[in-house]
């Protein structure tokens, strides 16, 4: 997600494998699952989260990249390719929410300067993270692997 030349980096990793060597790559897909308050009233899609994702896309992040990994490994010639995915339900007070808060705070100025969010919306969303009923699904963490034959 954060590697600028991600395809080239992946191909370098594949080409560095010896025969019989395995490659395991993990990456997120932040597009496929969004909070759904119709399923659970505590799930909220924060405007700050939307702003952060827009800012990441502006910087070249490919938000579906994790989901593409197994296909990319297969296309690169690896065999025994497989993939699995994990999703977590982040709740107020969890390590996932702490990470989300840190990401938001780190990107606050850039999101406000880009007019993706107002300072008031940002502050309201940060306060929501402390609400005991708040929860949201994490991005999907994809693990993909393959073997050089």
N, C-alpha and C. Protein backbone atom coordinates (compact mmCIF):
# COMPACT_ATOMS: atom_id res chain seq x y z
N UNK A 1 0.82 -1.19 0.00
CA UNK A 1 0.00 0.00 0.00
C UNK A 1 0.87 1.26 0.00
N UNK A 2 1.98 1.23 0.72
CA UNK A 2 2.79 2.42 0.89
C UNK A 2 4.06 2.41 0.04
N UNK A 3 4.25 1.40 -0.79
CA UNK A 3 5.43 1.31 -1.64
C UNK A 3 5.10 1.96 -2.97
N UNK A 4 5.87 2.96 -3.36
CA UNK A 4 5.56 3.71 -4.58
C UNK A 4 5.62 2.84 -5.83
N UNK A 5 6.66 2.09 -6.01
CA UNK A 5 6.78 1.24 -7.19
C UNK A 5 6.50 -0.21 -6.79
N UNK A 6 5.29 -0.42 -6.33
CA UNK A 6 4.92 -1.71 -5.73
C UNK A 6 5.05 -2.88 -6.69
N UNK A 7 4.66 -2.71 -7.95
CA UNK A 7 4.77 -3.83 -8.90
C UNK A 7 6.22 -4.19 -9.16
N UNK A 8 7.07 -3.18 -9.31
CA UNK A 8 8.51 -3.43 -9.52
C UNK A 8 9.12 -4.09 -8.29
N UNK A 9 8.72 -3.64 -7.11
CA UNK A 9 9.24 -4.23 -5.87
C UNK A 9 8.81 -5.70 -5.77
N UNK A 10 7.57 -5.98 -6.12
CA UNK A 10 7.09 -7.37 -6.07
C UNK A 10 7.87 -8.23 -7.06
N UNK A 11 8.11 -7.73 -8.25
CA UNK A 11 8.85 -8.51 -9.25
C UNK A 11 10.30 -8.73 -8.80
N UNK A 12 10.90 -7.75 -8.11
CA UNK A 12 12.26 -7.95 -7.58
C UNK A 12 12.26 -9.07 -6.54
N UNK A 13 11.24 -9.10 -5.70
CA UNK A 13 11.15 -10.16 -4.69
C UNK A 13 11.00 -11.52 -5.36
N UNK A 14 10.14 -11.60 -6.37
CA UNK A 14 9.92 -12.86 -7.08
C UNK A 14 11.21 -13.30 -7.76
N UNK A 15 11.88 -12.38 -8.44
CA UNK A 15 13.09 -12.76 -9.18
C UNK A 15 14.25 -13.13 -8.27
N UNK A 16 14.22 -12.71 -7.02
CA UNK A 16 15.31 -13.04 -6.10
C UNK A 16 15.15 -14.43 -5.48
N UNK A 17 14.00 -15.06 -5.69
CA UNK A 17 13.78 -16.39 -5.13
C UNK A 17 14.65 -17.44 -5.81
N UNK A 18 15.20 -18.33 -5.02
CA UNK A 18 15.89 -19.50 -5.56
C UNK A 18 14.84 -20.56 -5.88
N UNK A 19 15.20 -21.51 -6.71
CA UNK A 19 14.29 -22.61 -7.01
C UNK A 19 13.92 -23.29 -5.70
N UNK A 20 12.63 -23.49 -5.50
CA UNK A 20 12.13 -24.09 -4.27
C UNK A 20 11.83 -23.06 -3.19
N UNK A 21 12.18 -21.80 -3.44
CA UNK A 21 11.94 -20.74 -2.45
C UNK A 21 10.51 -20.25 -2.47
N UNK A 22 10.05 -19.81 -1.33
CA UNK A 22 8.69 -19.32 -1.16
C UNK A 22 8.68 -17.83 -0.91
N UNK A 23 7.65 -17.17 -1.36
CA UNK A 23 7.44 -15.75 -1.09
C UNK A 23 6.07 -15.60 -0.43
N UNK A 24 6.03 -14.87 0.67
CA UNK A 24 4.79 -14.51 1.35
C UNK A 24 4.71 -12.99 1.36
N UNK A 25 3.61 -12.46 0.85
CA UNK A 25 3.41 -11.02 0.81
C UNK A 25 2.07 -10.71 1.46
N UNK A 26 2.05 -9.66 2.28
CA UNK A 26 0.79 -9.24 2.91
C UNK A 26 0.53 -7.78 2.58
N UNK A 27 -0.74 -7.49 2.30
CA UNK A 27 -1.14 -6.13 1.97
C UNK A 27 -2.64 -5.98 2.23
N UNK A 28 -3.03 -4.75 2.46
CA UNK A 28 -4.43 -4.45 2.75
C UNK A 28 -5.25 -4.17 1.51
N UNK A 29 -6.54 -4.39 1.64
CA UNK A 29 -7.57 -3.96 0.70
C UNK A 29 -8.52 -3.11 1.53
N UNK A 30 -8.49 -1.81 1.31
CA UNK A 30 -9.30 -0.92 2.13
C UNK A 30 -10.60 -0.52 1.44
N UNK A 31 -10.96 -1.22 0.36
CA UNK A 31 -12.17 -0.86 -0.40
C UNK A 31 -13.34 -1.82 -0.21
N UNK A 32 -13.06 -3.07 0.00
CA UNK A 32 -14.09 -4.09 -0.14
C UNK A 32 -15.13 -4.15 0.97
N UNK A 33 -14.80 -3.70 2.16
CA UNK A 33 -15.76 -3.77 3.26
C UNK A 33 -15.83 -2.41 3.94
N UNK A 34 -17.00 -1.86 4.02
CA UNK A 34 -17.20 -0.58 4.72
C UNK A 34 -18.13 -0.81 5.91
N UNK A 35 -18.07 0.08 6.90
CA UNK A 35 -19.02 -0.03 8.01
C UNK A 35 -20.45 0.02 7.49
N UNK A 36 -21.33 -0.72 8.13
CA UNK A 36 -22.73 -0.78 7.71
C UNK A 36 -23.63 -0.65 8.94
N UNK A 37 -24.14 0.56 9.23
CA UNK A 37 -24.96 0.75 10.41
C UNK A 37 -26.29 -0.01 10.37
N UNK A 38 -26.70 -0.52 9.18
CA UNK A 38 -27.92 -1.31 9.14
C UNK A 38 -27.70 -2.69 9.74
N UNK A 39 -26.43 -3.13 9.78
CA UNK A 39 -26.11 -4.42 10.39
C UNK A 39 -25.86 -4.29 11.88
N UNK A 40 -25.25 -3.17 12.26
CA UNK A 40 -24.93 -2.92 13.66
C UNK A 40 -24.91 -1.41 13.87
N UNK A 41 -25.72 -0.93 14.78
CA UNK A 41 -25.85 0.52 14.97
C UNK A 41 -24.54 1.17 15.39
N UNK A 42 -23.61 0.41 15.96
CA UNK A 42 -22.33 0.97 16.37
C UNK A 42 -21.37 1.21 15.22
N UNK A 43 -21.65 0.62 14.06
CA UNK A 43 -20.77 0.80 12.91
C UNK A 43 -21.03 2.16 12.27
N UNK A 44 -19.99 2.95 12.16
CA UNK A 44 -20.10 4.30 11.61
C UNK A 44 -18.99 4.50 10.59
N UNK A 45 -19.34 5.05 9.44
CA UNK A 45 -18.34 5.42 8.45
C UNK A 45 -17.95 6.87 8.73
N UNK A 46 -16.76 7.06 9.24
CA UNK A 46 -16.30 8.39 9.63
C UNK A 46 -15.88 9.21 8.42
N UNK A 47 -16.24 10.48 8.41
CA UNK A 47 -15.82 11.37 7.34
C UNK A 47 -14.29 11.49 7.32
N UNK A 48 -13.67 11.41 8.49
CA UNK A 48 -12.21 11.47 8.55
C UNK A 48 -11.59 10.26 7.87
N UNK A 49 -12.22 9.10 8.01
CA UNK A 49 -11.71 7.90 7.34
C UNK A 49 -11.80 8.06 5.82
N UNK A 50 -12.91 8.58 5.35
CA UNK A 50 -13.08 8.82 3.91
C UNK A 50 -12.02 9.81 3.43
N UNK A 51 -11.79 10.88 4.20
CA UNK A 51 -10.79 11.88 3.83
C UNK A 51 -9.40 11.25 3.78
N UNK A 52 -9.08 10.40 4.76
CA UNK A 52 -7.77 9.75 4.78
C UNK A 52 -7.59 8.86 3.55
N UNK A 53 -8.62 8.11 3.18
CA UNK A 53 -8.52 7.23 2.01
C UNK A 53 -8.33 8.05 0.73
N UNK A 54 -9.03 9.17 0.62
CA UNK A 54 -8.85 10.03 -0.56
C UNK A 54 -7.42 10.56 -0.63
N UNK A 55 -6.89 10.96 0.52
CA UNK A 55 -5.52 11.48 0.58
C UNK A 55 -4.51 10.40 0.19
N UNK A 56 -4.74 9.17 0.66
CA UNK A 56 -3.86 8.06 0.29
C UNK A 56 -3.90 7.79 -1.21
N UNK A 57 -5.11 7.82 -1.79
CA UNK A 57 -5.23 7.62 -3.23
C UNK A 57 -4.51 8.72 -3.99
N UNK A 58 -4.61 9.96 -3.49
CA UNK A 58 -3.89 11.07 -4.12
C UNK A 58 -2.40 10.79 -4.15
N UNK A 59 -1.89 10.09 -3.14
CA UNK A 59 -0.48 9.77 -3.04
C UNK A 59 -0.07 8.51 -3.79
N UNK A 60 -1.01 7.90 -4.51
CA UNK A 60 -0.70 6.74 -5.33
C UNK A 60 -0.99 5.39 -4.69
N UNK A 61 -1.64 5.37 -3.54
CA UNK A 61 -1.98 4.10 -2.91
C UNK A 61 -3.04 3.38 -3.74
N UNK A 62 -2.83 2.12 -4.00
CA UNK A 62 -3.80 1.28 -4.71
C UNK A 62 -4.56 0.50 -3.64
N UNK A 63 -5.78 0.93 -3.34
CA UNK A 63 -6.50 0.40 -2.19
C UNK A 63 -7.00 -1.03 -2.34
N UNK A 64 -6.96 -1.59 -3.54
CA UNK A 64 -7.33 -2.99 -3.77
C UNK A 64 -6.10 -3.90 -3.89
N UNK A 65 -4.92 -3.38 -3.70
CA UNK A 65 -3.71 -4.12 -4.04
C UNK A 65 -3.61 -5.47 -3.33
N UNK A 66 -4.00 -5.53 -2.08
CA UNK A 66 -3.94 -6.80 -1.35
C UNK A 66 -4.73 -7.90 -2.04
N UNK A 67 -5.87 -7.53 -2.57
CA UNK A 67 -6.72 -8.50 -3.25
C UNK A 67 -6.12 -8.97 -4.57
N UNK A 68 -5.25 -8.18 -5.14
CA UNK A 68 -4.63 -8.51 -6.43
C UNK A 68 -3.42 -9.43 -6.30
N UNK A 69 -2.89 -9.55 -5.09
CA UNK A 69 -1.59 -10.22 -4.92
C UNK A 69 -1.53 -11.64 -5.48
N UNK A 70 -2.52 -12.47 -5.19
CA UNK A 70 -2.41 -13.86 -5.65
C UNK A 70 -2.38 -13.94 -7.17
N UNK A 71 -3.15 -13.11 -7.84
CA UNK A 71 -3.12 -13.08 -9.30
C UNK A 71 -1.78 -12.60 -9.82
N UNK A 72 -1.22 -11.59 -9.16
CA UNK A 72 0.09 -11.09 -9.58
C UNK A 72 1.19 -12.14 -9.38
N UNK A 73 1.12 -12.88 -8.30
CA UNK A 73 2.11 -13.94 -8.07
C UNK A 73 1.97 -15.05 -9.11
N UNK A 74 0.75 -15.39 -9.45
CA UNK A 74 0.52 -16.42 -10.47
C UNK A 74 1.05 -15.93 -11.82
N UNK A 75 0.74 -14.67 -12.17
CA UNK A 75 1.20 -14.09 -13.44
C UNK A 75 2.73 -14.01 -13.51
N UNK A 76 3.38 -13.92 -12.36
CA UNK A 76 4.84 -13.82 -12.33
C UNK A 76 5.52 -15.17 -12.54
N UNK A 77 4.73 -16.25 -12.59
CA UNK A 77 5.29 -17.57 -12.83
C UNK A 77 5.44 -18.43 -11.59
N UNK A 78 5.07 -17.91 -10.42
CA UNK A 78 5.16 -18.74 -9.22
C UNK A 78 4.11 -19.83 -9.28
N UNK A 79 4.37 -20.92 -8.59
CA UNK A 79 3.43 -22.04 -8.52
C UNK A 79 2.96 -22.20 -7.08
N UNK A 80 2.02 -23.10 -6.89
CA UNK A 80 1.45 -23.35 -5.56
C UNK A 80 0.99 -22.04 -4.92
N UNK A 81 0.44 -21.16 -5.74
CA UNK A 81 -0.01 -19.86 -5.26
C UNK A 81 -1.30 -20.02 -4.45
N UNK A 82 -1.36 -19.33 -3.36
CA UNK A 82 -2.56 -19.34 -2.53
C UNK A 82 -2.72 -17.99 -1.85
N UNK A 83 -3.87 -17.81 -1.23
CA UNK A 83 -4.12 -16.55 -0.53
C UNK A 83 -5.16 -16.77 0.55
N UNK A 84 -5.09 -15.96 1.57
CA UNK A 84 -6.12 -15.92 2.60
C UNK A 84 -6.28 -14.47 3.04
N UNK A 85 -7.37 -14.20 3.70
CA UNK A 85 -7.65 -12.82 4.12
C UNK A 85 -8.19 -12.82 5.55
N UNK A 86 -7.90 -11.72 6.25
CA UNK A 86 -8.39 -11.54 7.61
C UNK A 86 -9.06 -10.18 7.72
N UNK A 87 -10.08 -10.14 8.53
CA UNK A 87 -10.79 -8.91 8.81
C UNK A 87 -11.03 -8.86 10.31
N UNK A 88 -10.88 -7.68 10.89
CA UNK A 88 -11.07 -7.52 12.32
C UNK A 88 -12.18 -6.51 12.55
N UNK A 89 -12.94 -6.66 13.60
CA UNK A 89 -13.91 -5.65 13.98
C UNK A 89 -13.26 -4.81 15.07
N UNK A 90 -12.88 -3.60 14.70
CA UNK A 90 -12.22 -2.70 15.63
C UNK A 90 -13.27 -1.99 16.48
N UNK A 91 -13.05 -1.99 17.79
CA UNK A 91 -13.98 -1.35 18.71
C UNK A 91 -13.24 -0.31 19.53
N UNK A 92 -13.98 0.61 20.07
CA UNK A 92 -13.40 1.65 20.90
C UNK A 92 -12.50 1.04 21.97
N UNK A 93 -11.30 1.58 22.12
CA UNK A 93 -10.35 1.08 23.10
C UNK A 93 -9.42 -0.01 22.59
N UNK A 94 -9.64 -0.48 21.37
CA UNK A 94 -8.82 -1.57 20.82
C UNK A 94 -7.53 -1.03 20.20
N UNK A 95 -6.53 -1.90 20.01
CA UNK A 95 -5.31 -1.47 19.32
C UNK A 95 -5.58 -0.96 17.90
N UNK A 96 -6.56 -1.54 17.23
CA UNK A 96 -6.90 -1.08 15.88
C UNK A 96 -7.38 0.37 15.87
N UNK A 97 -8.21 0.71 16.86
CA UNK A 97 -8.69 2.09 16.96
C UNK A 97 -7.54 3.03 17.33
N UNK A 98 -6.64 2.56 18.18
CA UNK A 98 -5.47 3.38 18.53
C UNK A 98 -4.63 3.67 17.28
N UNK A 99 -4.46 2.66 16.41
CA UNK A 99 -3.72 2.86 15.17
C UNK A 99 -4.47 3.84 14.26
N UNK A 100 -5.79 3.67 14.17
CA UNK A 100 -6.60 4.56 13.34
C UNK A 100 -6.46 6.01 13.83
N UNK A 101 -6.55 6.19 15.14
CA UNK A 101 -6.41 7.53 15.71
C UNK A 101 -5.04 8.13 15.35
N UNK A 102 -3.99 7.34 15.48
CA UNK A 102 -2.64 7.82 15.16
C UNK A 102 -2.54 8.20 13.68
N UNK A 103 -3.12 7.39 12.80
CA UNK A 103 -3.11 7.71 11.37
C UNK A 103 -3.86 9.01 11.11
N UNK A 104 -5.04 9.15 11.72
CA UNK A 104 -5.82 10.36 11.53
C UNK A 104 -5.02 11.59 11.99
N UNK A 105 -4.46 11.50 13.19
CA UNK A 105 -3.74 12.64 13.74
C UNK A 105 -2.52 13.00 12.89
N UNK A 106 -1.85 12.00 12.36
CA UNK A 106 -0.68 12.24 11.52
C UNK A 106 -1.06 12.95 10.22
N UNK A 107 -2.24 12.66 9.70
CA UNK A 107 -2.66 13.19 8.40
C UNK A 107 -3.64 14.36 8.51
N UNK A 108 -3.94 14.79 9.73
CA UNK A 108 -4.95 15.83 9.96
C UNK A 108 -4.73 17.06 9.08
N UNK A 109 -3.57 17.66 9.18
CA UNK A 109 -3.31 18.90 8.45
C UNK A 109 -3.47 18.72 6.95
N UNK A 110 -2.95 17.63 6.42
CA UNK A 110 -3.04 17.39 4.97
C UNK A 110 -4.49 17.20 4.54
N UNK A 111 -5.30 16.50 5.35
CA UNK A 111 -6.71 16.29 5.01
C UNK A 111 -7.49 17.60 5.04
N UNK A 112 -7.20 18.44 6.03
CA UNK A 112 -7.88 19.74 6.14
C UNK A 112 -7.44 20.65 5.01
N UNK A 113 -6.12 20.70 4.73
CA UNK A 113 -5.61 21.54 3.65
C UNK A 113 -6.17 21.14 2.29
N UNK A 114 -6.42 19.86 2.09
CA UNK A 114 -6.99 19.37 0.83
C UNK A 114 -8.50 19.60 0.76
N UNK A 115 -9.07 20.16 1.82
CA UNK A 115 -10.51 20.39 1.92
C UNK A 115 -11.32 19.10 1.85
N UNK A 116 -10.73 18.00 2.34
CA UNK A 116 -11.45 16.74 2.40
C UNK A 116 -12.26 16.63 3.68
N UNK A 117 -11.92 17.45 4.66
CA UNK A 117 -12.63 17.43 5.94
C UNK A 117 -12.39 18.77 6.63
N UNK A 118 -13.37 19.17 7.44
CA UNK A 118 -13.19 20.40 8.22
C UNK A 118 -12.58 20.05 9.57
N UNK A 119 -11.96 21.01 10.21
CA UNK A 119 -11.43 20.76 11.56
C UNK A 119 -12.53 20.28 12.52
N UNK A 120 -13.73 20.83 12.38
CA UNK A 120 -14.84 20.41 13.25
C UNK A 120 -15.21 18.95 13.00
N UNK A 121 -15.32 18.53 11.73
CA UNK A 121 -15.62 17.13 11.42
C UNK A 121 -14.54 16.22 11.98
N UNK A 122 -13.29 16.64 11.84
CA UNK A 122 -12.18 15.85 12.35
C UNK A 122 -12.32 15.65 13.86
N UNK A 123 -12.54 16.74 14.58
CA UNK A 123 -12.68 16.65 16.04
C UNK A 123 -13.87 15.79 16.46
N UNK A 124 -14.98 15.91 15.74
CA UNK A 124 -16.16 15.09 16.05
C UNK A 124 -15.86 13.60 15.82
N UNK A 125 -15.18 13.29 14.74
CA UNK A 125 -14.85 11.89 14.46
C UNK A 125 -13.88 11.32 15.49
N UNK A 126 -12.88 12.12 15.88
CA UNK A 126 -11.96 11.65 16.92
C UNK A 126 -12.71 11.36 18.22
N UNK A 127 -13.68 12.20 18.55
CA UNK A 127 -14.49 11.97 19.75
C UNK A 127 -15.30 10.68 19.61
N UNK A 128 -15.79 10.38 18.41
CA UNK A 128 -16.57 9.14 18.19
C UNK A 128 -15.74 7.89 18.49
N UNK A 129 -14.44 7.97 18.26
CA UNK A 129 -13.58 6.82 18.53
C UNK A 129 -13.60 6.43 20.01
N UNK A 130 -13.94 7.36 20.87
CA UNK A 130 -14.02 7.10 22.31
C UNK A 130 -15.37 6.57 22.75
N UNK A 131 -16.36 6.61 21.87
CA UNK A 131 -17.70 6.14 22.21
C UNK A 131 -17.68 4.63 22.40
N UNK A 132 -18.19 4.16 23.52
CA UNK A 132 -18.14 2.73 23.86
C UNK A 132 -18.86 1.87 22.83
N UNK A 133 -19.81 2.41 22.08
CA UNK A 133 -20.54 1.61 21.10
C UNK A 133 -19.90 1.64 19.71
N UNK A 134 -18.87 2.49 19.54
CA UNK A 134 -18.26 2.63 18.21
C UNK A 134 -17.52 1.36 17.81
N UNK A 135 -17.69 0.98 16.54
CA UNK A 135 -16.91 -0.10 15.95
C UNK A 135 -16.94 0.04 14.45
N UNK A 136 -15.92 -0.52 13.81
CA UNK A 136 -15.90 -0.55 12.36
C UNK A 136 -14.99 -1.68 11.89
N UNK A 137 -15.32 -2.26 10.75
CA UNK A 137 -14.44 -3.31 10.23
C UNK A 137 -13.12 -2.72 9.77
N UNK A 138 -12.06 -3.46 10.00
CA UNK A 138 -10.75 -3.05 9.52
C UNK A 138 -10.69 -3.24 8.02
N UNK A 139 -9.63 -2.74 7.43
CA UNK A 139 -9.34 -3.12 6.05
C UNK A 139 -9.05 -4.61 6.05
N UNK A 140 -9.22 -5.24 4.91
CA UNK A 140 -8.95 -6.67 4.79
C UNK A 140 -7.45 -6.86 4.59
N UNK A 141 -6.85 -7.68 5.44
CA UNK A 141 -5.42 -7.99 5.31
C UNK A 141 -5.28 -9.28 4.50
N UNK A 142 -4.72 -9.15 3.30
CA UNK A 142 -4.51 -10.30 2.43
C UNK A 142 -3.11 -10.83 2.60
N UNK A 143 -2.98 -12.14 2.68
CA UNK A 143 -1.71 -12.86 2.65
C UNK A 143 -1.71 -13.69 1.39
N UNK A 144 -0.68 -13.55 0.59
CA UNK A 144 -0.57 -14.35 -0.65
C UNK A 144 0.83 -14.93 -0.71
N UNK A 145 0.91 -16.16 -1.21
CA UNK A 145 2.19 -16.85 -1.25
C UNK A 145 2.32 -17.63 -2.55
N UNK A 146 3.55 -17.93 -2.88
CA UNK A 146 3.83 -18.74 -4.05
C UNK A 146 5.25 -19.26 -3.99
N UNK A 147 5.50 -20.25 -4.82
CA UNK A 147 6.79 -20.96 -4.82
C UNK A 147 7.45 -20.82 -6.19
N UNK A 148 8.76 -20.65 -6.17
CA UNK A 148 9.54 -20.65 -7.41
C UNK A 148 9.89 -22.11 -7.71
N UNK A 149 9.41 -22.60 -8.85
CA UNK A 149 9.67 -24.02 -9.22
C UNK A 149 10.89 -24.14 -10.12
